[in-house]
Structure formats: C-alpha cells, structure tokens
Amino acid sequence: MDYQGEKIPTFIMAAPMEKIQILDSIEKDIVTCLHSAGTALVEFSKEKSSLKQAESQTHLFLKTLGQVESKLTEQINYLTQVSTGQPHEGSGYASQKVLQMAWHRLEHARSRVNELERLKSRHTSNLPRGMPQQPQPGMNMQQ
C-alpha cells in the first residue's frame, strides 16, 4: 500500500496494541544490544580472551543495533507525520488544525466587519445634518 508515493510502514497501519508491542520489541532489542556489548567488553578485558566469542558478541551487537536504528527511524517518521498534520490512521490532528484555522479566519472577518462598522458610523456622524448622504454605488434612487 502506498502513502503519498511511499510504502506505508507497518507501524502506521498497526492497531494501538500492536504499536505498543512494536515498541516493546524495540526495547527488547536495545536490551539485547546492551547485553552483547557488555559481554564483548568483558571478553576483551580478560587476560586470555576468546577472540571468537568477542567477535560473535560484537557481530550480534552490530546486527541488533542496525535493527534498532531501522525500527526507531520508522517510529520517528510516524511521529513526524502525526505532528505535521499529514493524514494517518486514527488521528484527528489534521481536522483539528483545519477547524482552528477556520475559527481564526472567522474571528478575523468579525474584527474587520466591526472595524468597518465603526468607520461607517464615525463617518456618518461627522456629516453635517442638512447634507444628504451620497448614494451607494449600485443602488438605484427612485424619483
């Protein structure tokens, strides 16, 4: 499935519980990554370290770190889409932003109408009493 020309990450299509499970999986990968790094460091610190064991743990660390980076990048992309108002499953952010902008436009229009009303009343109050008002353009005067 495409999303604005791009493949939709599985995280966007997932239900809320699935999203939590994905985050839990990332957390477990981080723990594995830290454990592998710690084991490799312990192996390197030994007087008679096993190069094979250290390389194995280092390889596992790098592999898991790559997976964590990939999954976290996917999460960050999702959060970027949510925060910028791009449509996504279950979000009301874009609609909320559209509504908020409509309210701002309405308030601006009201303030402009009120300002024009004040100018009109000030202008009409400054006209001499005996002077007839100018007809407004587009209005027919009956004689």
N, C-alpha and C. Protein backbone atom coordinates (compact mmCIF):
# COMPACT_ATOMS: atom_id res chain seq x y z
N MET A 1 0.84 -1.18 0.00
CA MET A 1 0.00 0.00 0.00
C MET A 1 0.88 1.24 0.00
N ASP A 2 0.53 2.28 -0.77
CA ASP A 2 1.34 3.48 -0.86
C ASP A 2 0.74 4.60 -0.04
N TYR A 3 1.62 5.47 0.44
CA TYR A 3 1.23 6.64 1.21
C TYR A 3 1.99 7.80 0.62
N GLN A 4 1.32 8.61 -0.18
CA GLN A 4 1.92 9.73 -0.88
C GLN A 4 3.16 9.28 -1.64
N GLY A 5 3.04 8.17 -2.37
CA GLY A 5 4.13 7.68 -3.19
C GLY A 5 5.15 6.84 -2.46
N GLU A 6 4.96 6.62 -1.17
CA GLU A 6 5.91 5.83 -0.40
C GLU A 6 5.20 4.61 0.18
N LYS A 7 5.99 3.59 0.49
CA LYS A 7 5.45 2.40 1.13
C LYS A 7 5.07 2.76 2.56
N ILE A 8 3.88 2.36 2.98
CA ILE A 8 3.42 2.66 4.33
C ILE A 8 4.11 1.73 5.31
N PRO A 9 4.81 2.29 6.30
CA PRO A 9 5.44 1.43 7.31
C PRO A 9 4.37 0.68 8.09
N THR A 10 4.73 -0.51 8.55
CA THR A 10 3.76 -1.33 9.28
C THR A 10 3.29 -0.64 10.54
N PHE A 11 4.10 0.23 11.11
CA PHE A 11 3.72 0.89 12.36
C PHE A 11 2.49 1.77 12.16
N ILE A 12 2.36 2.43 11.00
CA ILE A 12 1.23 3.31 10.75
C ILE A 12 -0.06 2.51 10.64
N MET A 13 0.01 1.32 10.05
CA MET A 13 -1.18 0.52 9.84
C MET A 13 -1.58 -0.29 11.07
N ALA A 14 -0.72 -0.33 12.07
CA ALA A 14 -0.96 -1.18 13.23
C ALA A 14 -1.98 -0.57 14.17
N ALA A 15 -2.72 -1.44 14.86
CA ALA A 15 -3.66 -1.01 15.89
C ALA A 15 -2.86 -0.57 17.11
N PRO A 16 -3.48 0.16 18.04
CA PRO A 16 -2.75 0.66 19.21
C PRO A 16 -2.01 -0.41 20.00
N MET A 17 -2.61 -1.57 20.21
CA MET A 17 -1.92 -2.63 20.95
C MET A 17 -0.72 -3.16 20.17
N GLU A 18 -0.87 -3.22 18.86
CA GLU A 18 0.26 -3.66 18.03
C GLU A 18 1.39 -2.65 18.09
N LYS A 19 1.05 -1.37 18.15
CA LYS A 19 2.06 -0.32 18.25
C LYS A 19 2.85 -0.48 19.55
N ILE A 20 2.15 -0.78 20.63
CA ILE A 20 2.82 -0.99 21.91
C ILE A 20 3.72 -2.21 21.84
N GLN A 21 3.25 -3.26 21.17
CA GLN A 21 4.07 -4.47 21.03
C GLN A 21 5.33 -4.19 20.21
N ILE A 22 5.21 -3.36 19.20
CA ILE A 22 6.37 -2.99 18.39
C ILE A 22 7.38 -2.22 19.25
N LEU A 23 6.88 -1.29 20.06
CA LEU A 23 7.78 -0.54 20.95
C LEU A 23 8.43 -1.46 21.98
N ASP A 24 7.67 -2.45 22.46
CA ASP A 24 8.22 -3.43 23.40
C ASP A 24 9.33 -4.24 22.73
N SER A 25 9.11 -4.61 21.48
CA SER A 25 10.12 -5.35 20.72
C SER A 25 11.40 -4.52 20.56
N ILE A 26 11.25 -3.24 20.29
CA ILE A 26 12.41 -2.36 20.16
C ILE A 26 13.16 -2.30 21.49
N GLU A 27 12.41 -2.19 22.57
CA GLU A 27 13.04 -2.15 23.89
C GLU A 27 13.84 -3.43 24.16
N LYS A 28 13.27 -4.58 23.80
CA LYS A 28 13.98 -5.85 23.99
C LYS A 28 15.24 -5.90 23.13
N ASP A 29 15.16 -5.36 21.91
CA ASP A 29 16.34 -5.32 21.04
C ASP A 29 17.44 -4.44 21.65
N ILE A 30 17.05 -3.35 22.28
CA ILE A 30 18.03 -2.47 22.93
C ILE A 30 18.70 -3.21 24.09
N VAL A 31 17.91 -3.96 24.86
CA VAL A 31 18.48 -4.75 25.96
C VAL A 31 19.47 -5.78 25.41
N THR A 32 19.08 -6.45 24.32
CA THR A 32 19.98 -7.43 23.69
C THR A 32 21.26 -6.76 23.22
N CYS A 33 21.11 -5.58 22.65
CA CYS A 33 22.26 -4.82 22.15
C CYS A 33 23.21 -4.48 23.30
N LEU A 34 22.67 -4.00 24.41
CA LEU A 34 23.50 -3.65 25.56
C LEU A 34 24.16 -4.89 26.16
N HIS A 35 23.42 -5.98 26.22
CA HIS A 35 23.97 -7.23 26.76
C HIS A 35 25.14 -7.72 25.89
N SER A 36 24.95 -7.68 24.57
CA SER A 36 26.01 -8.11 23.65
C SER A 36 27.25 -7.24 23.79
N ALA A 37 27.04 -5.93 23.89
CA ALA A 37 28.17 -5.01 24.04
C ALA A 37 28.90 -5.29 25.35
N GLY A 38 28.14 -5.50 26.42
CA GLY A 38 28.74 -5.79 27.72
C GLY A 38 29.53 -7.09 27.70
N THR A 39 28.96 -8.12 27.09
CA THR A 39 29.63 -9.41 27.01
C THR A 39 30.92 -9.31 26.19
N ALA A 40 30.86 -8.56 25.10
CA ALA A 40 32.06 -8.38 24.27
C ALA A 40 33.14 -7.63 25.05
N LEU A 41 32.76 -6.60 25.80
CA LEU A 41 33.73 -5.85 26.59
C LEU A 41 34.35 -6.72 27.69
N VAL A 42 33.52 -7.54 28.33
CA VAL A 42 34.04 -8.45 29.36
C VAL A 42 35.04 -9.41 28.73
N GLU A 43 34.70 -9.92 27.56
CA GLU A 43 35.59 -10.86 26.87
C GLU A 43 36.92 -10.19 26.50
N PHE A 44 36.85 -8.94 26.03
CA PHE A 44 38.08 -8.21 25.68
C PHE A 44 38.93 -7.89 26.91
N SER A 45 38.30 -7.72 28.06
CA SER A 45 39.05 -7.34 29.26
C SER A 45 39.75 -8.53 29.93
N LYS A 46 39.41 -9.74 29.54
CA LYS A 46 40.06 -10.93 30.11
C LYS A 46 41.51 -11.01 29.63
N GLU A 47 42.36 -11.61 30.49
CA GLU A 47 43.76 -11.80 30.09
C GLU A 47 43.85 -12.75 28.90
N LYS A 48 43.08 -13.81 28.94
CA LYS A 48 43.05 -14.77 27.83
C LYS A 48 41.65 -14.73 27.22
N SER A 49 41.41 -13.71 26.41
CA SER A 49 40.08 -13.56 25.82
C SER A 49 39.93 -14.46 24.62
N SER A 50 38.69 -14.88 24.42
CA SER A 50 38.36 -15.70 23.26
C SER A 50 37.97 -14.76 22.12
N LEU A 51 38.82 -14.68 21.14
CA LEU A 51 38.57 -13.79 20.01
C LEU A 51 37.27 -14.17 19.30
N LYS A 52 37.02 -15.47 19.20
CA LYS A 52 35.80 -15.94 18.53
C LYS A 52 34.56 -15.48 19.29
N GLN A 53 34.57 -15.60 20.62
CA GLN A 53 33.43 -15.18 21.45
C GLN A 53 33.24 -13.67 21.36
N ALA A 54 34.33 -12.91 21.42
CA ALA A 54 34.25 -11.45 21.33
C ALA A 54 33.72 -11.02 19.97
N GLU A 55 34.18 -11.64 18.90
CA GLU A 55 33.70 -11.31 17.56
C GLU A 55 32.22 -11.66 17.40
N SER A 56 31.83 -12.78 17.96
CA SER A 56 30.42 -13.20 17.90
C SER A 56 29.52 -12.18 18.59
N GLN A 57 29.93 -11.75 19.79
CA GLN A 57 29.13 -10.76 20.53
C GLN A 57 29.14 -9.40 19.84
N THR A 58 30.28 -9.04 19.27
CA THR A 58 30.36 -7.77 18.53
C THR A 58 29.47 -7.80 17.30
N HIS A 59 29.47 -8.92 16.59
CA HIS A 59 28.61 -9.08 15.41
C HIS A 59 27.13 -8.99 15.82
N LEU A 60 26.76 -9.68 16.91
CA LEU A 60 25.38 -9.62 17.40
C LEU A 60 25.01 -8.19 17.79
N PHE A 61 25.93 -7.49 18.44
CA PHE A 61 25.70 -6.10 18.83
C PHE A 61 25.41 -5.23 17.61
N LEU A 62 26.27 -5.34 16.59
CA LEU A 62 26.11 -4.52 15.39
C LEU A 62 24.83 -4.85 14.63
N LYS A 63 24.50 -6.13 14.55
CA LYS A 63 23.28 -6.56 13.86
C LYS A 63 22.05 -6.02 14.59
N THR A 64 22.02 -6.18 15.90
CA THR A 64 20.88 -5.71 16.69
C THR A 64 20.79 -4.19 16.66
N LEU A 65 21.93 -3.52 16.71
CA LEU A 65 21.95 -2.06 16.65
C LEU A 65 21.35 -1.56 15.32
N GLY A 66 21.66 -2.25 14.24
CA GLY A 66 21.08 -1.89 12.94
C GLY A 66 19.57 -2.04 12.92
N GLN A 67 19.08 -3.12 13.54
CA GLN A 67 17.63 -3.33 13.62
C GLN A 67 16.97 -2.25 14.46
N VAL A 68 17.58 -1.92 15.59
CA VAL A 68 17.04 -0.87 16.47
C VAL A 68 17.00 0.46 15.72
N GLU A 69 18.07 0.78 15.03
CA GLU A 69 18.12 2.03 14.27
C GLU A 69 17.01 2.08 13.22
N SER A 70 16.81 0.99 12.51
CA SER A 70 15.78 0.93 11.48
C SER A 70 14.38 1.10 12.08
N LYS A 71 14.12 0.38 13.16
CA LYS A 71 12.80 0.47 13.80
C LYS A 71 12.56 1.85 14.41
N LEU A 72 13.59 2.42 15.03
CA LEU A 72 13.43 3.76 15.61
C LEU A 72 13.22 4.81 14.53
N THR A 73 13.89 4.66 13.40
CA THR A 73 13.69 5.59 12.29
C THR A 73 12.24 5.52 11.81
N GLU A 74 11.69 4.32 11.74
CA GLU A 74 10.29 4.15 11.35
C GLU A 74 9.37 4.85 12.34
N GLN A 75 9.67 4.73 13.63
CA GLN A 75 8.86 5.38 14.67
C GLN A 75 8.95 6.90 14.55
N ILE A 76 10.15 7.40 14.32
CA ILE A 76 10.35 8.85 14.20
C ILE A 76 9.61 9.37 12.97
N ASN A 77 9.65 8.64 11.87
CA ASN A 77 8.91 9.05 10.68
C ASN A 77 7.42 9.10 10.96
N TYR A 78 6.92 8.12 11.68
CA TYR A 78 5.50 8.11 12.06
C TYR A 78 5.16 9.34 12.89
N LEU A 79 5.98 9.62 13.90
CA LEU A 79 5.72 10.77 14.76
C LEU A 79 5.83 12.08 13.99
N THR A 80 6.71 12.14 13.02
CA THR A 80 6.82 13.32 12.18
C THR A 80 5.54 13.54 11.39
N GLN A 81 4.98 12.47 10.85
CA GLN A 81 3.73 12.57 10.10
C GLN A 81 2.60 13.02 11.00
N VAL A 82 2.56 12.49 12.21
CA VAL A 82 1.50 12.86 13.15
C VAL A 82 1.61 14.33 13.50
N SER A 83 2.80 14.79 13.78
CA SER A 83 2.99 16.16 14.24
C SER A 83 2.85 17.20 13.13
N THR A 84 2.97 16.83 11.88
CA THR A 84 2.84 17.78 10.78
C THR A 84 1.46 17.80 10.17
N GLY A 85 0.56 17.03 10.72
CA GLY A 85 -0.81 17.05 10.24
C GLY A 85 -1.08 16.23 9.01
N GLN A 86 -0.13 15.43 8.57
CA GLN A 86 -0.39 14.55 7.44
C GLN A 86 -1.39 13.50 7.89
N PRO A 87 -2.31 13.10 7.02
CA PRO A 87 -3.32 12.13 7.42
C PRO A 87 -2.71 10.78 7.76
N HIS A 88 -3.22 10.18 8.80
CA HIS A 88 -2.80 8.85 9.18
C HIS A 88 -3.93 8.22 9.99
N GLU A 89 -3.84 6.96 10.21
CA GLU A 89 -4.90 6.21 10.88
C GLU A 89 -5.13 6.71 12.30
N GLY A 90 -6.37 7.06 12.60
CA GLY A 90 -6.74 7.37 13.96
C GLY A 90 -6.40 8.76 14.45
N SER A 91 -5.95 9.64 13.59
CA SER A 91 -5.57 10.97 14.07
C SER A 91 -6.64 11.99 13.74
N GLY A 92 -6.90 12.86 14.68
CA GLY A 92 -7.80 13.97 14.44
C GLY A 92 -7.03 15.27 14.36
N TYR A 93 -5.70 15.19 14.36
CA TYR A 93 -4.87 16.39 14.39
C TYR A 93 -5.12 17.28 13.17
N ALA A 94 -5.14 16.69 11.99
CA ALA A 94 -5.32 17.49 10.77
C ALA A 94 -6.67 18.19 10.79
N SER A 95 -7.72 17.48 11.17
CA SER A 95 -9.05 18.06 11.24
C SER A 95 -9.10 19.16 12.29
N GLN A 96 -8.45 18.92 13.41
CA GLN A 96 -8.42 19.91 14.48
C GLN A 96 -7.71 21.18 14.01
N LYS A 97 -6.63 21.01 13.28
CA LYS A 97 -5.89 22.16 12.77
C LYS A 97 -6.73 22.95 11.76
N VAL A 98 -7.45 22.25 10.89
CA VAL A 98 -8.32 22.91 9.91
C VAL A 98 -9.40 23.71 10.64
N LEU A 99 -10.00 23.11 11.66
CA LEU A 99 -11.03 23.79 12.44
C LEU A 99 -10.46 25.03 13.13
N GLN A 100 -9.30 24.88 13.73
CA GLN A 100 -8.67 26.01 14.42
C GLN A 100 -8.40 27.16 13.44
N MET A 101 -7.91 26.84 12.26
CA MET A 101 -7.66 27.88 11.26
C MET A 101 -8.96 28.54 10.80
N ALA A 102 -10.03 27.76 10.70
CA ALA A 102 -11.34 28.32 10.33
C ALA A 102 -11.82 29.30 11.40
N TRP A 103 -11.62 28.95 12.67
CA TRP A 103 -12.01 29.86 13.76
C TRP A 103 -11.20 31.15 13.69
N HIS A 104 -9.92 31.04 13.39
CA HIS A 104 -9.08 32.24 13.27
C HIS A 104 -9.57 33.12 12.12
N ARG A 105 -9.91 32.51 10.99
CA ARG A 105 -10.42 33.29 9.86
C ARG A 105 -11.74 33.96 10.21
N LEU A 106 -12.62 33.24 10.91
CA LEU A 106 -13.90 33.80 11.33
C LEU A 106 -13.70 35.00 12.25
N GLU A 107 -12.83 34.85 13.24
CA GLU A 107 -12.56 35.96 14.17
C GLU A 107 -11.96 37.16 13.44
N HIS A 108 -11.09 36.90 12.48
CA HIS A 108 -10.51 38.00 11.71
C HIS A 108 -11.59 38.71 10.89
N ALA A 109 -12.46 37.94 10.26
CA ALA A 109 -13.55 38.54 9.48
C ALA A 109 -14.46 39.37 10.39
N ARG A 110 -14.77 38.86 11.58
CA ARG A 110 -15.61 39.62 12.53
C ARG A 110 -14.94 40.93 12.92
N SER A 111 -13.66 40.87 13.22
CA SER A 111 -12.97 42.10 13.63
C SER A 111 -12.94 43.11 12.49
N ARG A 112 -12.77 42.64 11.26
CA ARG A 112 -12.77 43.56 10.11
C ARG A 112 -14.15 44.17 9.90
N VAL A 113 -15.21 43.38 10.04
CA VAL A 113 -16.57 43.90 9.89
C VAL A 113 -16.85 44.94 10.98
N ASN A 114 -16.44 44.65 12.21
CA ASN A 114 -16.63 45.60 13.31
C ASN A 114 -15.85 46.90 13.05
N GLU A 115 -14.65 46.78 12.54
CA GLU A 115 -13.84 47.96 12.23
C GLU A 115 -14.51 48.79 11.14
N LEU A 116 -15.01 48.13 10.10
CA LEU A 116 -15.72 48.85 9.03
C LEU A 116 -16.99 49.51 9.56
N GLU A 117 -17.69 48.85 10.45
CA GLU A 117 -18.90 49.41 11.05
C GLU A 117 -18.56 50.67 11.85
N ARG A 118 -17.46 50.63 12.62
CA ARG A 118 -17.03 51.80 13.39
C ARG A 118 -16.66 52.96 12.46
N LEU A 119 -15.94 52.65 11.38
CA LEU A 119 -15.57 53.69 10.43
C LEU A 119 -16.80 54.31 9.77
N LYS A 120 -17.77 53.48 9.45
CA LYS A 120 -19.00 53.97 8.82
C LYS A 120 -19.76 54.88 9.77
N SER A 121 -19.90 54.45 11.02
CA SER A 121 -20.66 55.27 11.98
C SER A 121 -19.91 56.56 12.30
N ARG A 122 -18.59 56.52 12.36
CA ARG A 122 -17.82 57.74 12.60
C ARG A 122 -17.96 58.69 11.41
N HIS A 123 -17.94 58.14 10.21
CA HIS A 123 -18.07 58.95 9.00
C HIS A 123 -19.46 59.58 8.92
N THR A 124 -20.49 58.80 9.19
CA THR A 124 -21.86 59.34 9.11
C THR A 124 -22.12 60.33 10.23
N SER A 125 -21.49 60.20 11.37
CA SER A 125 -21.71 61.16 12.47
C SER A 125 -20.98 62.47 12.19
N ASN A 126 -19.95 62.46 11.36
CA ASN A 126 -19.20 63.67 11.02
C ASN A 126 -19.84 64.46 9.89
N LEU A 127 -20.83 63.90 9.19
CA LEU A 127 -21.50 64.62 8.11
C LEU A 127 -22.40 65.70 8.71
N PRO A 128 -22.46 66.88 8.06
CA PRO A 128 -23.40 67.92 8.53
C PRO A 128 -24.83 67.40 8.42
N ARG A 129 -25.68 67.83 9.35
CA ARG A 129 -27.04 67.31 9.45
C ARG A 129 -27.87 67.58 8.20
N GLY A 130 -27.71 68.71 7.59
CA GLY A 130 -28.54 69.04 6.44
C GLY A 130 -28.04 68.44 5.14
N MET A 131 -26.84 67.91 5.13
CA MET A 131 -26.25 67.38 3.90
C MET A 131 -26.75 65.96 3.65
N PRO A 132 -27.29 65.73 2.47
CA PRO A 132 -27.75 64.36 2.17
C PRO A 132 -26.54 63.44 1.96
N GLN A 133 -26.74 62.20 2.31
CA GLN A 133 -25.67 61.21 2.14
C GLN A 133 -25.56 60.85 0.67
N GLN A 134 -24.37 60.55 0.25
CA GLN A 134 -24.12 60.12 -1.12
C GLN A 134 -24.75 58.74 -1.32
N PRO A 135 -25.42 58.54 -2.46
CA PRO A 135 -25.95 57.19 -2.71
C PRO A 135 -24.79 56.21 -2.90
N GLN A 136 -25.03 55.02 -2.44
CA GLN A 136 -24.01 53.99 -2.58
C GLN A 136 -24.03 53.46 -4.00
N PRO A 137 -22.86 53.15 -4.54
CA PRO A 137 -22.82 52.62 -5.91
C PRO A 137 -23.64 51.35 -6.02
N GLY A 138 -24.32 51.24 -7.13
CA GLY A 138 -25.10 50.04 -7.38
C GLY A 138 -26.53 50.14 -6.87
N MET A 139 -26.86 51.19 -6.14
CA MET A 139 -28.23 51.34 -5.63
C MET A 139 -28.95 52.36 -6.50
N ASN A 140 -30.17 52.05 -6.91
CA ASN A 140 -30.97 52.94 -7.74
C ASN A 140 -31.76 53.88 -6.85
N MET A 141 -31.74 55.16 -7.20
CA MET A 141 -32.53 56.13 -6.45
C MET A 141 -33.84 56.31 -7.18
N GLN A 142 -34.92 56.23 -6.44
CA GLN A 142 -36.24 56.42 -7.04
C GLN A 142 -36.60 57.89 -6.96
N GLN A 143 -37.17 58.44 -8.04
CA GLN A 143 -37.54 59.85 -8.05
C GLN A 143 -38.99 60.01 -8.28
